[in-house]
């Protein structure tokens, strides 16, 4: 698989990563597929998808424990990204950016992951009660202590069907502040054919500074794969059950996007899928962009990894750019 670099430190990863959240969080059946998910991780590493993107809150904690089982055998093959800053309560999720907590959380993640260093440690959310410079300073101390190799920030922006230059203004202000404390190696934010908002300001900001961009949800929570049908039900523990874009009406309204992706895929041969076109489009947005599609089965991991070898033509890219914007908000 093609290799890409993250940040000024030139940390190398496979061009397509693996989002590990669906293996234990936010999707139907996640908690019952431990062994199947573990096989999917090994398949990803075999295919060159070295970046494993997890977080302490996924589960909570069970996702890191699962990754630890894989890393115990395959540490040299993997690039581990995990996150800190969110706590899962009985009723809600809260941010915690206190320096002492960050350091304790890092030690706990290292134990669960069965490794002595985290390749990329990301701030999941800034704590509104703690200056972000203080949180980032504590994370920087972890780099100096040899527990972490590089730091990243998960971007927060308004989601919707329209592109707007102001969606990530708050994140860019945070990035400017923390850059004064310690270099940002990567930013993780949503980017897909049906959620292209990061293209306006956030992606150019990263490119201009040599900051890697981890494209979260590049398959639109599964919609862009074309495997979901309008009107299908989602289990109560599935995040899509609460998203306006996944109502039967909105899924039907957004079918032209999938049809367009399939049309492009057909020009590349019978084995190319809509999902692979969607990932290739993300890859085409810049050499610093690494899509991290979530998956929990070997079949999907294999298909996603193969997208790294798909090269879209100028005609393909134009056609994808001209697809209708997604209908329905994320809020």
C-alpha atoms as a PDB file:
ATOM      1  CA  UNK A   1       0.000   0.000   0.000  1.00  0.00           C
ATOM      2  CA  UNK A   2       1.065   3.584  -0.675  1.00  0.00           C
ATOM      3  CA  UNK A   3       2.564   5.296   2.375  1.00  0.00           C
ATOM      4  CA  UNK A   4       1.764   8.795   3.570  1.00  0.00           C
ATOM      5  CA  UNK A   5       3.320  10.988   6.240  1.00  0.00           C
ATOM      6  CA  UNK A   6       1.797  12.616   9.296  1.00  0.00           C
ATOM      7  CA  UNK A   7       3.165  15.929  10.481  1.00  0.00           C
ATOM      8  CA  UNK A   8       6.582  17.508  10.324  1.00  0.00           C
ATOM      9  CA  UNK A   9       8.040  14.445  12.033  1.00  0.00           C
ATOM     10  CA  UNK A  10       7.339  12.456   8.855  1.00  0.00           C
ATOM     11  CA  UNK A  11       5.635   9.598  10.667  1.00  0.00           C
ATOM     12  CA  UNK A  12       4.682   7.093   7.979  1.00  0.00           C
ATOM     13  CA  UNK A  13       1.375   5.228   7.740  1.00  0.00           C
ATOM     14  CA  UNK A  14      -0.564   3.343   5.105  1.00  0.00           C
ATOM     15  CA  UNK A  15      -2.654   5.643   2.916  1.00  0.00           C
ATOM     16  CA  UNK A  16      -5.912   4.143   4.243  1.00  0.00           C
ATOM     17  CA  UNK A  17      -6.243   3.650   7.981  1.00  0.00           C
ATOM     18  CA  UNK A  18      -8.684   1.691  10.121  1.00  0.00           C
ATOM     19  CA  UNK A  19     -11.276   3.396  12.305  1.00  0.00           C
ATOM     20  CA  UNK A  20     -11.758   1.011  15.225  1.00  0.00           C
ATOM     21  CA  UNK A  21     -14.766   2.653  16.925  1.00  0.00           C
ATOM     22  CA  UNK A  22     -17.423   0.383  15.295  1.00  0.00           C
ATOM     23  CA  UNK A  23     -15.807  -2.638  16.920  1.00  0.00           C
ATOM     24  CA  UNK A  24     -17.054  -1.665  20.377  1.00  0.00           C
ATOM     25  CA  UNK A  25     -19.026   1.567  20.244  1.00  0.00           C
ATOM     26  CA  UNK A  26     -21.871   3.399  18.523  1.00  0.00           C
ATOM     27  CA  UNK A  27     -23.035   0.705  16.082  1.00  0.00           C
ATOM     28  CA  UNK A  28     -25.397  -2.270  16.387  1.00  0.00           C
ATOM     29  CA  UNK A  29     -23.778  -5.494  17.518  1.00  0.00           C
ATOM     30  CA  UNK A  30     -20.431  -3.872  18.288  1.00  0.00           C
ATOM     31  CA  UNK A  31     -19.989  -5.482  21.684  1.00  0.00           C
ATOM     32  CA  UNK A  32     -20.581  -9.025  20.459  1.00  0.00           C
ATOM     33  CA  UNK A  33     -17.877  -9.230  17.782  1.00  0.00           C
ATOM     34  CA  UNK A  34     -14.564  -9.261  19.656  1.00  0.00           C
ATOM     35  CA  UNK A  35     -12.882 -12.166  17.863  1.00  0.00           C
ATOM     36  CA  UNK A  36     -14.295 -11.126  14.491  1.00  0.00           C
ATOM     37  CA  UNK A  37     -13.033  -7.594  15.045  1.00  0.00           C
ATOM     38  CA  UNK A  38      -9.616  -8.880  16.038  1.00  0.00           C
ATOM     39  CA  UNK A  39      -9.389 -10.761  12.751  1.00  0.00           C
ATOM     40  CA  UNK A  40     -10.333  -7.548  10.962  1.00  0.00           C
ATOM     41  CA  UNK A  41      -7.458  -5.701  12.667  1.00  0.00           C
ATOM     42  CA  UNK A  42      -4.983  -8.370  11.586  1.00  0.00           C
ATOM     43  CA  UNK A  43      -6.350  -8.229   8.056  1.00  0.00           C
ATOM     44  CA  UNK A  44      -5.905  -4.451   7.996  1.00  0.00           C
ATOM     45  CA  UNK A  45      -2.290  -4.752   9.110  1.00  0.00           C
ATOM     46  CA  UNK A  46      -1.652  -7.462   6.518  1.00  0.00           C
ATOM     47  CA  UNK A  47      -3.026  -5.123   3.823  1.00  0.00           C
ATOM     48  CA  UNK A  48      -0.846  -2.200   4.924  1.00  0.00           C
ATOM     49  CA  UNK A  49      -3.537  -0.216   6.754  1.00  0.00           C
ATOM     50  CA  UNK A  50      -1.178   0.444   9.630  1.00  0.00           C
ATOM     51  CA  UNK A  51      -2.979   3.346  11.319  1.00  0.00           C
ATOM     52  CA  UNK A  52      -5.318   2.017  14.005  1.00  0.00           C
ATOM     53  CA  UNK A  53      -7.546   4.831  15.261  1.00  0.00           C
ATOM     54  CA  UNK A  54      -9.059   4.197  18.685  1.00  0.00           C
ATOM     55  CA  UNK A  55      -9.927   6.135  21.871  1.00  0.00           C
ATOM     56  CA  UNK A  56     -10.213   5.458  25.567  1.00  0.00           C
ATOM     57  CA  UNK A  57     -13.922   6.401  25.518  1.00  0.00           C
ATOM     58  CA  UNK A  58     -14.863   3.755  22.926  1.00  0.00           C
ATOM     59  CA  UNK A  59     -16.546   1.104  25.019  1.00  0.00           C
ATOM     60  CA  UNK A  60     -15.442   2.816  27.218  1.00  0.00           C
ATOM     61  CA  UNK A  61     -11.990   1.231  27.377  1.00  0.00           C
ATOM     62  CA  UNK A  62     -12.915  -2.025  25.595  1.00  0.00           C
ATOM     63  CA  UNK A  63     -11.716  -0.767  22.205  1.00  0.00           C
ATOM     64  CA  UNK A  64      -8.222  -0.114  23.517  1.00  0.00           C
ATOM     65  CA  UNK A  65      -8.222  -3.516  25.200  1.00  0.00           C
ATOM     66  CA  UNK A  66      -9.089  -5.121  21.872  1.00  0.00           C
ATOM     67  CA  UNK A  67      -6.313  -3.214  20.117  1.00  0.00           C
ATOM     68  CA  UNK A  68      -3.939  -4.341  22.840  1.00  0.00           C
ATOM     69  CA  UNK A  69      -4.607  -7.965  21.942  1.00  0.00           C
ATOM     70  CA  UNK A  70      -3.543  -7.253  18.364  1.00  0.00           C
ATOM     71  CA  UNK A  71      -0.591  -5.049  19.293  1.00  0.00           C
ATOM     72  CA  UNK A  72       0.823  -7.707  21.579  1.00  0.00           C
ATOM     73  CA  UNK A  73       1.618  -9.685  18.423  1.00  0.00           C
ATOM     74  CA  UNK A  74       1.876  -6.969  15.745  1.00  0.00           C
ATOM     75  CA  UNK A  75       3.265  -3.818  17.381  1.00  0.00           C
ATOM     76  CA  UNK A  76       5.898  -3.225  14.691  1.00  0.00           C
ATOM     77  CA  UNK A  77       3.242  -3.341  11.964  1.00  0.00           C
ATOM     78  CA  UNK A  78       0.931  -0.798  13.572  1.00  0.00           C
ATOM     79  CA  UNK A  79       0.738   2.966  14.026  1.00  0.00           C
ATOM     80  CA  UNK A  80      -1.415   3.549  17.106  1.00  0.00           C
ATOM     81  CA  UNK A  81      -3.607   6.620  17.446  1.00  0.00           C
ATOM     82  CA  UNK A  82      -5.707   6.987  20.563  1.00  0.00           C
ATOM     83  CA  UNK A  83      -7.517   9.880  22.203  1.00  0.00           C
ATOM     84  CA  UNK A  84      -8.010  11.529  25.566  1.00  0.00           C
ATOM     85  CA  UNK A  85     -10.321  14.183  26.954  1.00  0.00           C
ATOM     86  CA  UNK A  86     -13.800  12.638  27.088  1.00  0.00           C
ATOM     87  CA  UNK A  87     -15.377  10.703  29.952  1.00  0.00           C
ATOM     88  CA  UNK A  88     -18.408   8.481  29.508  1.00  0.00           C
ATOM     89  CA  UNK A  89     -20.984   8.804  32.293  1.00  0.00           C
ATOM     90  CA  UNK A  90     -24.251   6.980  32.836  1.00  0.00           C
ATOM     91  CA  UNK A  91     -26.273   9.691  31.121  1.00  0.00           C
ATOM     92  CA  UNK A  92     -23.859  11.823  29.158  1.00  0.00           C
ATOM     93  CA  UNK A  93     -20.313  12.418  27.954  1.00  0.00           C
ATOM     94  CA  UNK A  94     -18.205  15.148  29.567  1.00  0.00           C
ATOM     95  CA  UNK A  95     -14.855  16.689  28.702  1.00  0.00           C
ATOM     96  CA  UNK A  96     -11.897  16.519  31.074  1.00  0.00           C
ATOM     97  CA  UNK A  97      -8.735  18.376  30.095  1.00  0.00           C
ATOM     98  CA  UNK A  98      -7.111  18.730  33.489  1.00  0.00           C
ATOM     99  CA  UNK A  99      -3.367  18.054  33.206  1.00  0.00           C
ATOM    100  CA  UNK A 100      -3.306  15.490  35.997  1.00  0.00           C
ATOM    101  CA  UNK A 101      -6.127  13.545  34.418  1.00  0.00           C
ATOM    102  CA  UNK A 102      -4.462  13.600  30.994  1.00  0.00           C
ATOM    103  CA  UNK A 103      -1.285  12.045  32.381  1.00  0.00           C
ATOM    104  CA  UNK A 104      -3.172   9.343  34.293  1.00  0.00           C
ATOM    105  CA  UNK A 105      -5.318   8.584  31.255  1.00  0.00           C
ATOM    106  CA  UNK A 106      -2.240   8.163  29.083  1.00  0.00           C
ATOM    107  CA  UNK A 107      -0.735   5.626  31.496  1.00  0.00           C
ATOM    108  CA  UNK A 108      -4.018   3.725  31.538  1.00  0.00           C
ATOM    109  CA  UNK A 109      -4.184   3.704  27.724  1.00  0.00           C
ATOM    110  CA  UNK A 110      -0.626   2.395  27.512  1.00  0.00           C
ATOM    111  CA  UNK A 111      -1.548  -0.499  29.809  1.00  0.00           C
ATOM    112  CA  UNK A 112      -4.677  -1.374  27.845  1.00  0.00           C
ATOM    113  CA  UNK A 113      -2.869  -1.121  24.519  1.00  0.00           C
ATOM    114  CA  UNK A 114       0.001  -3.281  25.815  1.00  0.00           C
ATOM    115  CA  UNK A 115       2.611  -0.921  24.443  1.00  0.00           C
ATOM    116  CA  UNK A 116       5.196   1.447  25.853  1.00  0.00           C
ATOM    117  CA  UNK A 117       4.516   4.299  23.429  1.00  0.00           C
ATOM    118  CA  UNK A 118       1.501   5.812  21.659  1.00  0.00           C
ATOM    119  CA  UNK A 119       2.332   6.969  18.147  1.00  0.00           C
ATOM    120  CA  UNK A 120      -0.308   9.713  17.983  1.00  0.00           C
ATOM    121  CA  UNK A 121      -2.114  11.018  21.073  1.00  0.00           C
ATOM    122  CA  UNK A 122      -5.127  13.138  20.213  1.00  0.00           C
ATOM    123  CA  UNK A 123      -7.182  15.571  22.244  1.00  0.00           C
ATOM    124  CA  UNK A 124     -10.704  14.309  21.673  1.00  0.00           C
ATOM    125  CA  UNK A 125     -12.403  17.492  22.886  1.00  0.00           C
ATOM    126  CA  UNK A 126     -11.152  20.619  24.627  1.00  0.00           C
ATOM    127  CA  UNK A 127     -12.460  21.088  28.158  1.00  0.00           C
ATOM    128  CA  UNK A 128     -14.322  24.425  28.385  1.00  0.00           C
ATOM    129  CA  UNK A 129     -13.249  24.684  32.029  1.00  0.00           C
ATOM    130  CA  UNK A 130      -9.518  24.319  31.311  1.00  0.00           C
ATOM    131  CA  UNK A 131      -7.422  26.527  29.004  1.00  0.00           C
ATOM    132  CA  UNK A 132      -6.533  24.353  26.043  1.00  0.00           C
ATOM    133  CA  UNK A 133      -2.882  25.404  26.399  1.00  0.00           C
ATOM    134  CA  UNK A 134      -2.762  23.688  29.807  1.00  0.00           C
ATOM    135  CA  UNK A 135      -4.178  20.444  28.440  1.00  0.00           C
ATOM    136  CA  UNK A 136      -1.841  20.567  25.458  1.00  0.00           C
ATOM    137  CA  UNK A 137       1.114  21.312  27.715  1.00  0.00           C
ATOM    138  CA  UNK A 138       0.408  18.154  29.703  1.00  0.00           C
ATOM    139  CA  UNK A 139       0.246  16.178  26.467  1.00  0.00           C
ATOM    140  CA  UNK A 140       3.546  17.701  25.369  1.00  0.00           C
ATOM    141  CA  UNK A 141       5.140  16.505  28.606  1.00  0.00           C
ATOM    142  CA  UNK A 142       4.110  12.981  27.639  1.00  0.00           C
ATOM    143  CA  UNK A 143       6.077  13.356  24.397  1.00  0.00           C
ATOM    144  CA  UNK A 144       9.121  14.528  26.300  1.00  0.00           C
ATOM    145  CA  UNK A 145       8.737  11.566  28.666  1.00  0.00           C
ATOM    146  CA  UNK A 146       8.817   9.153  25.709  1.00  0.00           C
ATOM    147  CA  UNK A 147       5.282   7.892  26.246  1.00  0.00           C
ATOM    148  CA  UNK A 148       3.898   9.575  23.110  1.00  0.00           C
ATOM    149  CA  UNK A 149       5.506  10.272  19.729  1.00  0.00           C
ATOM    150  CA  UNK A 150       3.233  13.020  18.333  1.00  0.00           C
ATOM    151  CA  UNK A 151       0.117  15.029  19.184  1.00  0.00           C
ATOM    152  CA  UNK A 152      -3.136  15.565  17.330  1.00  0.00           C
ATOM    153  CA  UNK A 153      -6.427  17.383  17.752  1.00  0.00           C
ATOM    154  CA  UNK A 154      -9.921  16.203  16.880  1.00  0.00           C
ATOM    155  CA  UNK A 155     -11.747  19.032  15.149  1.00  0.00           C
ATOM    156  CA  UNK A 156     -15.262  20.075  16.069  1.00  0.00           C
ATOM    157  CA  UNK A 157     -17.366  21.839  13.473  1.00  0.00           C
ATOM    158  CA  UNK A 158     -20.997  22.336  12.596  1.00  0.00           C
ATOM    159  CA  UNK A 159     -22.268  19.560  10.345  1.00  0.00           C
ATOM    160  CA  UNK A 160     -24.665  19.914   7.495  1.00  0.00           C
ATOM    161  CA  UNK A 161     -25.234  19.580   3.816  1.00  0.00           C
ATOM    162  CA  UNK A 162     -23.855  22.990   2.827  1.00  0.00           C
ATOM    163  CA  UNK A 163     -20.219  23.969   2.614  1.00  0.00           C
ATOM    164  CA  UNK A 164     -19.385  27.040   4.644  1.00  0.00           C
ATOM    165  CA  UNK A 165     -16.040  28.593   5.419  1.00  0.00           C
ATOM    166  CA  UNK A 166     -16.901  29.311   9.049  1.00  0.00           C
ATOM    167  CA  UNK A 167     -17.682  25.812  10.261  1.00  0.00           C
ATOM    168  CA  UNK A 168     -14.214  25.163  11.654  1.00  0.00           C
ATOM    169  CA  UNK A 169     -13.251  28.669  12.734  1.00  0.00           C
ATOM    170  CA  UNK A 170     -13.302  27.657  16.399  1.00  0.00           C
ATOM    171  CA  UNK A 171     -11.064  24.670  15.767  1.00  0.00           C
ATOM    172  CA  UNK A 172      -8.566  26.762  13.812  1.00  0.00           C
ATOM    173  CA  UNK A 173      -8.384  29.232  16.701  1.00  0.00           C
ATOM    174  CA  UNK A 174      -7.647  26.319  19.038  1.00  0.00           C
ATOM    175  CA  UNK A 175      -4.985  25.025  16.678  1.00  0.00           C
ATOM    176  CA  UNK A 176      -3.266  28.389  16.577  1.00  0.00           C
ATOM    177  CA  UNK A 177      -3.191  28.482  20.365  1.00  0.00           C
ATOM    178  CA  UNK A 178      -1.793  24.998  20.899  1.00  0.00           C
ATOM    179  CA  UNK A 179       0.784  25.405  18.130  1.00  0.00           C
ATOM    180  CA  UNK A 180       2.412  27.988  20.381  1.00  0.00           C
ATOM    181  CA  UNK A 181       2.900  25.292  23.021  1.00  0.00           C
ATOM    182  CA  UNK A 182       3.880  22.220  20.991  1.00  0.00           C
ATOM    183  CA  UNK A 183       3.615  21.260  17.312  1.00  0.00           C
ATOM    184  CA  UNK A 184       0.375  19.742  16.025  1.00  0.00           C
ATOM    185  CA  UNK A 185       1.155  16.679  13.921  1.00  0.00           C
ATOM    186  CA  UNK A 186      -2.390  15.758  12.888  1.00  0.00           C
ATOM    187  CA  UNK A 187      -5.980  16.958  12.851  1.00  0.00           C
ATOM    188  CA  UNK A 188      -8.857  14.509  12.698  1.00  0.00           C
ATOM    189  CA  UNK A 189     -12.164  15.702  11.272  1.00  0.00           C
ATOM    190  CA  UNK A 190     -15.053  14.424   9.234  1.00  0.00           C
ATOM    191  CA  UNK A 191     -14.505  14.488   5.472  1.00  0.00           C
ATOM    192  CA  UNK A 192     -16.506  12.631   2.849  1.00  0.00           C
ATOM    193  CA  UNK A 193     -18.365  13.104  -0.406  1.00  0.00           C
ATOM    194  CA  UNK A 194     -21.498  14.013   1.528  1.00  0.00           C
ATOM    195  CA  UNK A 195     -19.730  16.036   4.248  1.00  0.00           C
ATOM    196  CA  UNK A 196     -17.061  18.099   2.447  1.00  0.00           C
ATOM    197  CA  UNK A 197     -17.078  21.105   4.786  1.00  0.00           C
ATOM    198  CA  UNK A 198     -13.449  20.676   5.883  1.00  0.00           C
ATOM    199  CA  UNK A 199     -12.273  21.443   2.335  1.00  0.00           C
ATOM    200  CA  UNK A 200     -12.886  25.175   2.727  1.00  0.00           C
ATOM    201  CA  UNK A 201     -10.622  26.200   5.587  1.00  0.00           C
ATOM    202  CA  UNK A 202      -9.502  23.321   7.795  1.00  0.00           C
ATOM    203  CA  UNK A 203      -7.843  21.174   5.139  1.00  0.00           C
ATOM    204  CA  UNK A 204      -5.933  24.126   3.598  1.00  0.00           C
ATOM    205  CA  UNK A 205      -4.797  25.166   7.097  1.00  0.00           C
ATOM    206  CA  UNK A 206      -3.314  21.705   7.633  1.00  0.00           C
ATOM    207  CA  UNK A 207      -1.720  21.526   4.200  1.00  0.00           C
ATOM    208  CA  UNK A 208      -0.017  24.895   4.574  1.00  0.00           C
ATOM    209  CA  UNK A 209       1.619  23.787   7.830  1.00  0.00           C
ATOM    210  CA  UNK A 210       2.561  20.214   7.032  1.00  0.00           C
ATOM    211  CA  UNK A 211      -0.076  18.869   9.407  1.00  0.00           C
ATOM    212  CA  UNK A 212      -1.565  15.466   8.626  1.00  0.00           C
ATOM    213  CA  UNK A 213      -5.324  15.244   8.121  1.00  0.00           C
ATOM    214  CA  UNK A 214      -7.134  12.120   9.319  1.00  0.00           C
ATOM    215  CA  UNK A 215     -10.449  11.982   7.492  1.00  0.00           C
ATOM    216  CA  UNK A 216     -13.030  10.564   9.871  1.00  0.00           C
ATOM    217  CA  UNK A 217     -16.252   8.971   8.600  1.00  0.00           C
ATOM    218  CA  UNK A 218     -15.104   9.015   4.949  1.00  0.00           C
ATOM    219  CA  UNK A 219     -17.916   6.600   4.078  1.00  0.00           C
ATOM    220  CA  UNK A 220     -20.642   8.690   5.686  1.00  0.00           C
ATOM    221  CA  UNK A 221     -21.324   6.209   8.503  1.00  0.00           C
ATOM    222  CA  UNK A 222     -21.869   3.519   5.896  1.00  0.00           C
ATOM    223  CA  UNK A 223     -24.277   5.399   3.637  1.00  0.00           C
ATOM    224  CA  UNK A 224     -21.754   5.910   0.822  1.00  0.00           C
ATOM    225  CA  UNK A 225     -21.104   2.174   0.578  1.00  0.00           C
ATOM    226  CA  UNK A 226     -24.527   1.712  -0.999  1.00  0.00           C
ATOM    227  CA  UNK A 227     -25.249  -1.235   1.294  1.00  0.00           C
ATOM    228  CA  UNK A 228     -27.933   0.575   3.306  1.00  0.00           C
ATOM    229  CA  UNK A 229     -31.507   0.810   2.080  1.00  0.00           C
ATOM    230  CA  UNK A 230     -34.002   3.602   2.790  1.00  0.00           C
ATOM    231  CA  UNK A 231     -36.373   2.573   5.517  1.00  0.00           C
ATOM    232  CA  UNK A 232     -34.160  -0.066   7.077  1.00  0.00           C
ATOM    233  CA  UNK A 233     -34.214   0.014  10.829  1.00  0.00           C
ATOM    234  CA  UNK A 234     -31.312   0.621  13.187  1.00  0.00           C
ATOM    235  CA  UNK A 235     -30.997  -0.815  16.675  1.00  0.00           C
ATOM    236  CA  UNK A 236     -31.441   1.699  19.538  1.00  0.00           C
ATOM    237  CA  UNK A 237     -27.726   1.529  20.375  1.00  0.00           C
ATOM    238  CA  UNK A 238     -26.782   2.449  16.804  1.00  0.00           C
ATOM    239  CA  UNK A 239     -25.853   6.138  16.448  1.00  0.00           C
ATOM    240  CA  UNK A 240     -27.593   6.272  13.065  1.00  0.00           C
ATOM    241  CA  UNK A 241     -30.961   5.664  14.723  1.00  0.00           C
ATOM    242  CA  UNK A 242     -30.784   9.246  16.041  1.00  0.00           C
ATOM    243  CA  UNK A 243     -29.338  10.993  12.986  1.00  0.00           C
ATOM    244  CA  UNK A 244     -31.714  12.964  10.740  1.00  0.00           C
ATOM    245  CA  UNK A 245     -29.829  11.880   7.606  1.00  0.00           C
ATOM    246  CA  UNK A 246     -30.704   8.263   8.332  1.00  0.00           C
ATOM    247  CA  UNK A 247     -34.458   8.634   8.359  1.00  0.00           C
ATOM    248  CA  UNK A 248     -36.159   6.771   5.524  1.00  0.00           C
ATOM    249  CA  UNK A 249     -37.032  10.086   3.839  1.00  0.00           C
ATOM    250  CA  UNK A 250     -33.486  11.479   3.910  1.00  0.00           C
ATOM    251  CA  UNK A 251     -31.865   8.210   2.886  1.00  0.00           C
ATOM    252  CA  UNK A 252     -34.146   8.095  -0.134  1.00  0.00           C
ATOM    253  CA  UNK A 253     -33.444  11.743  -0.946  1.00  0.00           C
ATOM    254  CA  UNK A 254     -29.673  11.139  -0.862  1.00  0.00           C
ATOM    255  CA  UNK A 255     -29.674   8.050  -3.084  1.00  0.00           C
ATOM    256  CA  UNK A 256     -28.489  10.090  -6.117  1.00  0.00           C
ATOM    257  CA  UNK A 257     -25.112  10.430  -4.369  1.00  0.00           C
ATOM    258  CA  UNK A 258     -24.714   6.656  -4.185  1.00  0.00           C
ATOM    259  CA  UNK A 259     -25.934   6.279  -7.771  1.00  0.00           C
ATOM    260  CA  UNK A 260     -23.275   8.730  -8.904  1.00  0.00           C
ATOM    261  CA  UNK A 261     -20.518   6.891  -7.018  1.00  0.00           C
ATOM    262  CA  UNK A 262     -21.619   3.610  -8.568  1.00  0.00           C
ATOM    263  CA  UNK A 263     -21.551   5.184 -12.013  1.00  0.00           C
ATOM    264  CA  UNK A 264     -17.939   6.237 -11.520  1.00  0.00           C
ATOM    265  CA  UNK A 265     -17.064   2.820 -10.086  1.00  0.00           C
ATOM    266  CA  UNK A 266     -18.496   1.058 -13.155  1.00  0.00           C
ATOM    267  CA  UNK A 267     -15.969   2.830 -15.393  1.00  0.00           C
ATOM    268  CA  UNK A 268     -13.137   1.183 -13.428  1.00  0.00           C
ATOM    269  CA  UNK A 269     -14.323  -2.396 -13.780  1.00  0.00           C
ATOM    270  CA  UNK A 270     -16.836  -4.687 -12.226  1.00  0.00           C
ATOM    271  CA  UNK A 271     -15.013  -5.186  -8.933  1.00  0.00           C
ATOM    272  CA  UNK A 272     -14.687  -1.500  -7.964  1.00  0.00           C
ATOM    273  CA  UNK A 273     -17.342  -0.365  -5.476  1.00  0.00           C
ATOM    274  CA  UNK A 274     -19.033   2.898  -4.551  1.00  0.00           C
ATOM    275  CA  UNK A 275     -17.204   2.782  -1.209  1.00  0.00           C
ATOM    276  CA  UNK A 276     -13.829   2.579  -2.930  1.00  0.00           C
ATOM    277  CA  UNK A 277     -14.671   5.557  -5.131  1.00  0.00           C
ATOM    278  CA  UNK A 278     -15.688   7.522  -2.020  1.00  0.00           C
ATOM    279  CA  UNK A 279     -12.365   6.689  -0.342  1.00  0.00           C
ATOM    280  CA  UNK A 280     -10.352   7.426  -3.486  1.00  0.00           C
ATOM    281  CA  UNK A 281     -12.030  10.842  -3.638  1.00  0.00           C
ATOM    282  CA  UNK A 282     -10.845  11.558  -0.078  1.00  0.00           C
ATOM    283  CA  UNK A 283      -7.329  10.369  -0.921  1.00  0.00           C
ATOM    284  CA  UNK A 284      -7.299  12.707  -3.928  1.00  0.00           C
ATOM    285  CA  UNK A 285      -7.778  15.763  -1.700  1.00  0.00           C
ATOM    286  CA  UNK A 286      -4.088  15.888  -0.798  1.00  0.00           C
ATOM    287  CA  UNK A 287      -0.995  13.878   0.013  1.00  0.00           C
ATOM    288  CA  UNK A 288      -1.418  14.765   3.676  1.00  0.00           C
ATOM    289  CA  UNK A 289      -4.916  13.210   3.850  1.00  0.00           C
ATOM    290  CA  UNK A 290      -5.435   9.730   5.333  1.00  0.00           C
ATOM    291  CA  UNK A 291      -8.998   8.385   5.395  1.00  0.00           C
ATOM    292  CA  UNK A 292      -9.817   6.234   8.422  1.00  0.00           C
ATOM    293  CA  UNK A 293     -12.981   4.312   7.518  1.00  0.00           C
ATOM    294  CA  UNK A 294     -14.544   2.407  10.361  1.00  0.00           C
ATOM    295  CA  UNK A 295     -14.976  -1.339   9.939  1.00  0.00           C
ATOM    296  CA  UNK A 296     -15.385  -4.432  12.072  1.00  0.00           C
ATOM    297  CA  UNK A 297     -15.351  -7.221   9.469  1.00  0.00           C
ATOM    298  CA  UNK A 298     -12.500  -8.566   7.349  1.00  0.00           C
ATOM    299  CA  UNK A 299     -14.524  -8.157   4.149  1.00  0.00           C
ATOM    300  CA  UNK A 300     -14.940  -4.410   4.566  1.00  0.00           C
ATOM    301  CA  UNK A 301     -11.356  -3.905   5.751  1.00  0.00           C
ATOM    302  CA  UNK A 302     -10.083  -5.633   2.617  1.00  0.00           C
ATOM    303  CA  UNK A 303     -12.327  -3.572   0.352  1.00  0.00           C
ATOM    304  CA  UNK A 304     -11.352  -0.302   2.030  1.00  0.00           C
ATOM    305  CA  UNK A 305      -7.625  -1.045   1.867  1.00  0.00           C
ATOM    306  CA  UNK A 306      -7.875  -1.764  -1.859  1.00  0.00           C
ATOM    307  CA  UNK A 307      -9.138   1.779  -2.427  1.00  0.00           C
ATOM    308  CA  UNK A 308      -5.554   2.987  -1.939  1.00  0.00           C
ATOM    309  CA  UNK A 309      -4.772   1.600  -5.379  1.00  0.00           C
ATOM    310  CA  UNK A 310      -7.698   3.262  -7.160  1.00  0.00           C
ATOM    311  CA  UNK A 311      -6.781   6.362  -9.155  1.00  0.00           C
ATOM    312  CA  UNK A 312      -9.687   8.565 -10.149  1.00  0.00           C
ATOM    313  CA  UNK A 313      -9.432  10.413 -13.458  1.00  0.00           C
ATOM    314  CA  UNK A 314     -10.054  14.160 -13.817  1.00  0.00           C
ATOM    315  CA  UNK A 315     -13.442  13.237 -15.279  1.00  0.00           C
ATOM    316  CA  UNK A 316     -14.213  11.091 -12.233  1.00  0.00           C
ATOM    317  CA  UNK A 317     -13.264  13.866  -9.818  1.00  0.00           C
ATOM    318  CA  UNK A 318     -15.364  16.389 -11.711  1.00  0.00           C
ATOM    319  CA  UNK A 319     -18.330  14.053 -11.718  1.00  0.00           C
ATOM    320  CA  UNK A 320     -18.063  13.423  -7.985  1.00  0.00           C
ATOM    321  CA  UNK A 321     -17.703  17.162  -7.337  1.00  0.00           C
ATOM    322  CA  UNK A 322     -20.898  17.791  -9.269  1.00  0.00           C
ATOM    323  CA  UNK A 323     -22.996  15.271  -7.334  1.00  0.00           C
ATOM    324  CA  UNK A 324     -25.931  16.846  -5.487  1.00  0.00           C
ATOM    325  CA  UNK A 325     -25.230  18.027  -1.971  1.00  0.00           C
ATOM    326  CA  UNK A 326     -26.486  15.848   0.845  1.00  0.00           C
ATOM    327  CA  UNK A 327     -29.902  16.638   2.248  1.00  0.00           C
ATOM    328  CA  UNK A 328     -30.640  16.595   5.954  1.00  0.00           C
ATOM    329  CA  UNK A 329     -28.600  17.997   8.820  1.00  0.00           C
ATOM    330  CA  UNK A 330     -26.527  16.057  11.341  1.00  0.00           C
ATOM    331  CA  UNK A 331     -27.968  17.882  14.318  1.00  0.00           C
END
